[in-house]
């Protein structure tokens, strides 16, 4: 059995398409089944255990993807359903989410995006079975996921906060630089809460105009503005009984802040262009890469809203501030990339790991994850090595602790070389083979240089 023991059902009336998707997912599950009619799909979800269903919305015959979704959920509420469609409309897709779909993709399918969704859905299914058996939340392992893996003191503190806050309904504010994993943390809180089987809906407050953000959050009535051809539910209504993740809330326009505050206080939304109030029960998790207290001082963020969303505050440290976690993160992302790409890479050399551990990672965890994925794609051997590290990351200056052009004027090349060798040997604990690889020279050359500089 594969590491991920999920059973996946793929439903598409285009036989080649169904077979291709099933084949591409084989490394992510214990078994991938492809069927080509709605009737066959209904028979399977009614009589067999299926963890994840991937179905086309439009199928030949009277049975469509929504019917398969409803039957799958009726027989096993833990089953997650991903819809695929070439005829997506916002209303149709949101209706599918309302009925319990995990997510949807629009044709032509990006297979990497589908794999990511399948892995996320698989984690949710596993979490559901763990809860049922009484093992969920038993220890730190439940909270180890991309972005906050590690064993340093800061990470341990985050784990402790997660265990305490997840089962409650209290609002959470997550602070951290871009790429530190704020949305992943929000998903972990949701998946370990009592709302785990209800929708988790993220929205980027910085990516929409005030008008669009209001419509996205609260919905709108038909004719509310130009282009509003039909009633549309907002994310508050879609996420009812679930969790709403407000990313980059510091960029929310002032007028929207006032409207959001009222909804949080009253638990009622009124769609744009409507007078009909709708009661909602939504847990709010917010995130920002800015200092909200500073924005309050600058009169750019409401203090009353700040106190509403800051029930519990979690600060995610930058990756450079927890370098001891980099090897564990590297191992995790390596396994993830190998499973996704289908590579035979089995590990990473000490020399390559040393380079990665001494880089300052301005893009944080997201950058490390992308770096490992690139290395796996480019690697031609069984282990990732120094030559597989992207050129913008593998630079000796990261090991010396100095930047090119800063405080180096007047320093001889020999002194720079001596410093680079000395610090690399220190980083590798005297391992000359590893140091030589990092420096890009032969072991004999390194040995000669050590003697030359009396190191």
Foldseek 3Di string as FASTA:
>chain_A
DAPQAAEEEEEALPQVVQVVLQVLCVLVHVYYHYDRALVVLLVDLQPHDHAEYEYEQDHPDDDGPLNSLLSNCVRPVNHAYEYEYQDDDPQVQLVSLLSQHQHYYYPPDDSLVVNVSVNVSSLLSVLVVCVVVVNALVDLVLVDDFQLDDDDPLSVVLSVVLSVQLQDLAFEEEEEAAQNCQVVNVLSSQSRYPLNSFDEEEDEQQPDDQVVVLCQAQWAADPLDPPRNHTDGHPQVSRFSGEYEYEACLNHFPVVLVVVLVCLVPQWGAHRPGDDIDHGDYRYYYYHHDDVVVCVVVVSHDPVSVVRNPRDYRYRYFCLVVLVGQVVLLVVLLVVLCSNVVAQADEADPLLSLLVSLFNPPNGSNVSSVQSNQLRVPDPDNYRYLVSGDPVRLDLCSQLVDDPPPPCPPPDPLVVVVSSLVSLCVSSVNPLVSSCRSVVHDSVVSVVSCVVVVD
